[in-house]
Amino acid sequence: MKTANDKSLISDEQLLLDYRETGNPTSFETLVHRYEREMYGFLRRFLHDAELAEDAFQATFLQLHLKCEQFQADRKLRPWLYRMAKNQAIDLVRRNRRHQLTCLADLDSCEDYLLPSGVSSTADDPYKQLHEMDERAWLHDTARQLPKSLRQIVTLVYFEGLKYREAAEVLSIPLGTLKSRMHRALELLKQQCATGIGAAA
């Protein structure tokens, strides 16, 4: 029989199913602990407000509790939870009149994200040029200028670390669509890279 110390060995999906079937609060608390930093950071960057992010975080896990019966056992929890968090953030912004003059309604714009420096740099890697540039401030500003549909994907995949399939689920778009948009985003970023190199020469 597993003890509380064994929870670290149990998958997210198993924890939620255990909570749904037994009502064991330890399973739910373990899920909250696993995601609290990651999910709060996600909401904080999108909402640009610590108090709103905390409210959205609490609302997200309340929804997880209320809707755990809807979770499909053959799916992954992480993209489902991210989609739930995104929806809670949107609802919170819509209800919060004091933020109606800000950019918060456009939740894909993440003001302070950076493309990671740890991207693999092999000869066949399409991100090699971006990695070698290592101009974080420049990449930050340039990525923010991408069209909304492309910026969302770059944020979820590179900043939040979601896999392509998970990001597609969060955005409710086909995997093929996400891949083509990511390709387009990288092409635009590389074009800007080339322009920057030419200007500096």
Protein backbone atom coordinates (compact mmCIF):
# COMPACT_ATOMS: atom_id res chain seq x y z
CA MET A 1 0.00 0.00 0.00
CA LYS A 2 1.37 3.41 -0.98
CA THR A 3 2.03 6.01 1.66
CA ALA A 4 2.00 9.81 1.37
CA ASN A 5 5.73 9.67 0.60
CA ASP A 6 4.98 7.58 -2.48
CA LYS A 7 2.97 10.41 -4.09
CA SER A 8 6.08 11.75 -5.80
CA LEU A 9 6.21 8.55 -7.85
CA ILE A 10 2.61 8.81 -9.06
CA SER A 11 1.73 10.54 -12.33
CA ASP A 12 -0.41 13.68 -12.44
CA GLU A 13 -3.18 11.74 -14.12
CA GLN A 14 -3.18 9.01 -11.48
CA LEU A 15 -3.29 11.59 -8.70
CA LEU A 16 -6.35 13.28 -10.17
CA LEU A 17 -8.09 9.98 -10.78
CA ASP A 18 -7.33 8.91 -7.21
CA TYR A 19 -8.76 12.18 -5.90
CA ARG A 20 -11.85 11.77 -8.06
CA GLU A 21 -12.44 8.19 -6.97
CA THR A 22 -11.52 8.37 -3.28
CA GLY A 23 -11.68 12.06 -2.35
CA ASN A 24 -8.19 11.72 -0.86
CA PRO A 25 -7.10 15.32 -0.14
CA THR A 26 -3.42 14.35 -0.19
CA SER A 27 -3.65 13.54 -3.89
CA PHE A 28 -5.11 16.94 -4.68
CA GLU A 29 -2.62 18.74 -2.45
CA THR A 30 0.23 16.96 -4.23
CA LEU A 31 -1.07 18.20 -7.58
CA VAL A 32 -1.30 21.77 -6.30
CA HIS A 33 2.24 21.54 -4.93
CA ARG A 34 3.58 20.21 -8.24
CA TYR A 35 2.06 23.01 -10.26
CA GLU A 36 1.98 25.99 -7.90
CA ARG A 37 5.20 27.69 -9.05
CA GLU A 38 4.82 26.84 -12.72
CA MET A 39 1.15 27.81 -12.96
CA TYR A 40 1.46 30.95 -10.87
CA GLY A 41 4.40 32.07 -13.01
CA PHE A 42 2.38 31.43 -16.15
CA LEU A 43 -0.54 33.49 -14.87
CA ARG A 44 1.70 36.22 -13.45
CA ARG A 45 3.38 36.81 -16.79
CA PHE A 46 0.13 36.86 -18.70
CA LEU A 47 -1.80 39.05 -16.26
CA HIS A 48 1.06 41.35 -15.22
CA ASP A 49 -0.49 41.56 -11.77
CA ALA A 50 0.45 39.46 -8.74
CA GLU A 51 -2.96 39.77 -7.05
CA LEU A 52 -4.88 38.84 -10.20
CA ALA A 53 -2.51 35.94 -10.83
CA GLU A 54 -3.16 34.62 -7.33
CA ASP A 55 -6.92 34.91 -7.87
CA ALA A 56 -6.67 33.11 -11.21
CA PHE A 57 -4.48 30.42 -9.64
CA GLN A 58 -7.03 29.76 -6.90
CA ALA A 59 -9.87 29.75 -9.44
CA THR A 60 -7.99 27.28 -11.64
CA PHE A 61 -7.60 24.70 -8.90
CA LEU A 62 -11.15 25.27 -7.74
CA GLN A 63 -12.24 24.41 -11.28
CA LEU A 64 -9.97 21.38 -11.23
CA HIS A 65 -11.78 20.22 -8.09
CA LEU A 66 -15.22 20.94 -9.52
CA LYS A 67 -14.56 19.44 -12.95
CA CYS A 68 -12.39 16.47 -12.09
CA GLU A 69 -15.26 14.18 -13.16
CA GLN A 70 -14.86 15.52 -16.70
CA PHE A 71 -11.22 14.52 -16.98
CA GLN A 72 -10.65 11.73 -19.47
CA ALA A 73 -8.33 9.06 -18.11
CA ASP A 74 -6.54 8.60 -21.44
CA ARG A 75 -5.56 12.27 -21.71
CA LYS A 76 -2.68 14.25 -20.20
CA LEU A 77 -3.49 16.53 -17.28
CA ARG A 78 -0.98 19.30 -17.99
CA PRO A 79 -2.50 20.77 -21.20
CA TRP A 80 -5.99 20.42 -19.72
CA LEU A 81 -4.89 22.37 -16.65
CA TYR A 82 -3.20 25.05 -18.76
CA ARG A 83 -6.33 25.51 -20.84
CA MET A 84 -8.36 25.80 -17.65
CA ALA A 85 -5.92 28.42 -16.28
CA LYS A 86 -6.06 30.41 -19.52
CA ASN A 87 -9.86 30.44 -19.43
CA GLN A 88 -9.92 31.51 -15.78
CA ALA A 89 -7.51 34.35 -16.55
CA ILE A 90 -9.67 35.54 -19.45
CA ASP A 91 -12.80 35.46 -17.28
CA LEU A 92 -11.03 37.32 -14.49
CA VAL A 93 -9.85 40.08 -16.82
CA ARG A 94 -13.31 40.48 -18.29
CA ARG A 95 -14.76 40.86 -14.81
CA ASN A 96 -12.10 43.28 -13.64
CA ARG A 97 -13.03 46.72 -14.96
CA ARG A 98 -9.98 48.46 -13.56
CA HIS A 99 -7.82 46.64 -16.11
CA GLN A 100 -9.96 47.41 -19.14
CA LEU A 101 -7.48 50.00 -20.47
CA THR A 102 -4.49 47.66 -20.35
CA CYS A 103 -3.24 44.99 -22.72
CA LEU A 104 -4.51 42.22 -20.44
CA ALA A 105 -7.35 41.27 -22.74
CA ASP A 106 -4.69 40.06 -25.15
CA LEU A 107 -3.44 37.21 -22.99
CA ASP A 108 -0.98 35.89 -25.51
CA SER A 109 1.32 38.91 -25.07
CA CYS A 110 3.90 37.98 -22.47
CA GLU A 111 5.93 41.11 -21.77
CA ASP A 112 8.95 39.61 -20.09
CA TYR A 113 9.56 36.20 -21.59
CA LEU A 114 12.85 35.17 -23.18
CA LEU A 115 13.60 32.40 -25.59
CA PRO A 116 15.70 29.86 -23.68
CA SER A 117 19.45 29.82 -24.15
CA GLY A 118 19.67 26.06 -23.73
CA VAL A 119 18.32 25.14 -27.15
CA SER A 120 20.34 22.40 -28.80
CA SER A 121 22.81 23.74 -31.35
CA THR A 122 23.44 21.03 -33.93
CA ALA A 123 24.10 21.50 -37.62
CA ASP A 124 20.54 20.42 -38.49
CA ASP A 125 18.85 22.41 -35.72
CA PRO A 126 16.54 25.12 -37.15
CA TYR A 127 17.07 27.18 -33.98
CA LYS A 128 20.89 27.20 -34.25
CA GLN A 129 21.12 30.76 -35.56
CA LEU A 130 18.86 32.07 -32.80
CA HIS A 131 20.86 30.27 -30.15
CA GLU A 132 24.18 31.53 -31.42
CA MET A 133 22.96 35.11 -31.55
CA ASP A 134 22.36 34.95 -27.78
CA GLU A 135 20.98 38.48 -27.85
CA ARG A 136 18.31 38.01 -25.23
CA ALA A 137 17.04 41.57 -25.16
CA TRP A 138 16.82 41.65 -28.94
CA LEU A 139 15.00 38.32 -29.10
CA HIS A 140 12.64 39.48 -26.40
CA ASP A 141 11.63 42.58 -28.31
CA THR A 142 11.43 40.84 -31.66
CA ALA A 143 9.35 37.89 -30.45
CA ARG A 144 6.82 40.31 -28.95
CA GLN A 145 6.24 41.73 -32.43
CA LEU A 146 5.08 38.41 -33.85
CA PRO A 147 1.40 38.13 -34.84
CA LYS A 148 -0.87 36.98 -32.04
CA SER A 149 -1.38 33.42 -33.35
CA LEU A 150 2.40 32.91 -33.60
CA ARG A 151 3.27 34.62 -30.33
CA GLN A 152 0.93 32.33 -28.40
CA ILE A 153 2.71 29.24 -29.67
CA VAL A 154 6.22 30.57 -29.07
CA THR A 155 5.22 31.48 -25.50
CA LEU A 156 3.70 28.10 -24.67
CA VAL A 157 6.37 25.95 -26.34
CA TYR A 158 9.54 27.89 -25.52
CA PHE A 159 8.72 29.77 -22.37
CA GLU A 160 6.33 27.36 -20.65
CA GLY A 161 7.99 24.23 -22.03
CA LEU A 162 4.89 22.51 -23.37
CA LYS A 163 5.25 19.89 -26.06
CA TYR A 164 3.73 20.63 -29.46
CA ARG A 165 0.77 18.34 -28.85
CA GLU A 166 0.13 19.87 -25.43
CA ALA A 167 0.29 23.41 -26.78
CA ALA A 168 -2.13 22.44 -29.56
CA GLU A 169 -4.58 21.18 -26.94
CA VAL A 170 -4.27 24.37 -24.90
CA LEU A 171 -4.97 26.52 -27.97
CA SER A 172 -7.63 24.13 -29.35
CA ILE A 173 -5.98 23.91 -32.76
CA PRO A 174 -4.84 20.89 -34.81
CA LEU A 175 -1.27 19.72 -34.27
CA GLY A 176 -0.47 20.31 -37.94
CA THR A 177 -1.66 23.91 -37.66
CA LEU A 178 0.52 24.49 -34.63
CA LYS A 179 3.58 23.07 -36.38
CA SER A 180 3.07 25.22 -39.47
CA ARG A 181 2.62 28.34 -37.32
CA MET A 182 5.74 27.51 -35.34
CA HIS A 183 7.66 27.14 -38.60
CA ARG A 184 6.37 30.53 -39.72
CA ALA A 185 7.32 32.11 -36.38
CA LEU A 186 10.86 30.77 -36.64
CA GLU A 187 11.17 32.00 -40.22
CA LEU A 188 10.12 35.50 -39.16
CA LEU A 189 12.54 35.48 -36.23
CA LYS A 190 15.40 34.26 -38.42
CA GLN A 191 14.62 36.97 -40.99
CA GLN A 192 14.87 39.54 -38.23
CA CYS A 193 18.13 37.88 -37.11
CA ALA A 194 19.55 38.25 -40.59
CA THR A 195 18.39 41.87 -40.77
CA GLY A 196 20.07 42.59 -37.44
CA ILE A 197 23.31 41.00 -38.60
CA GLY A 198 23.26 43.02 -41.82
CA ALA A 199 22.63 46.26 -39.98
CA ALA A 200 25.50 45.60 -37.59
CA ALA A 201 27.98 44.79 -40.38
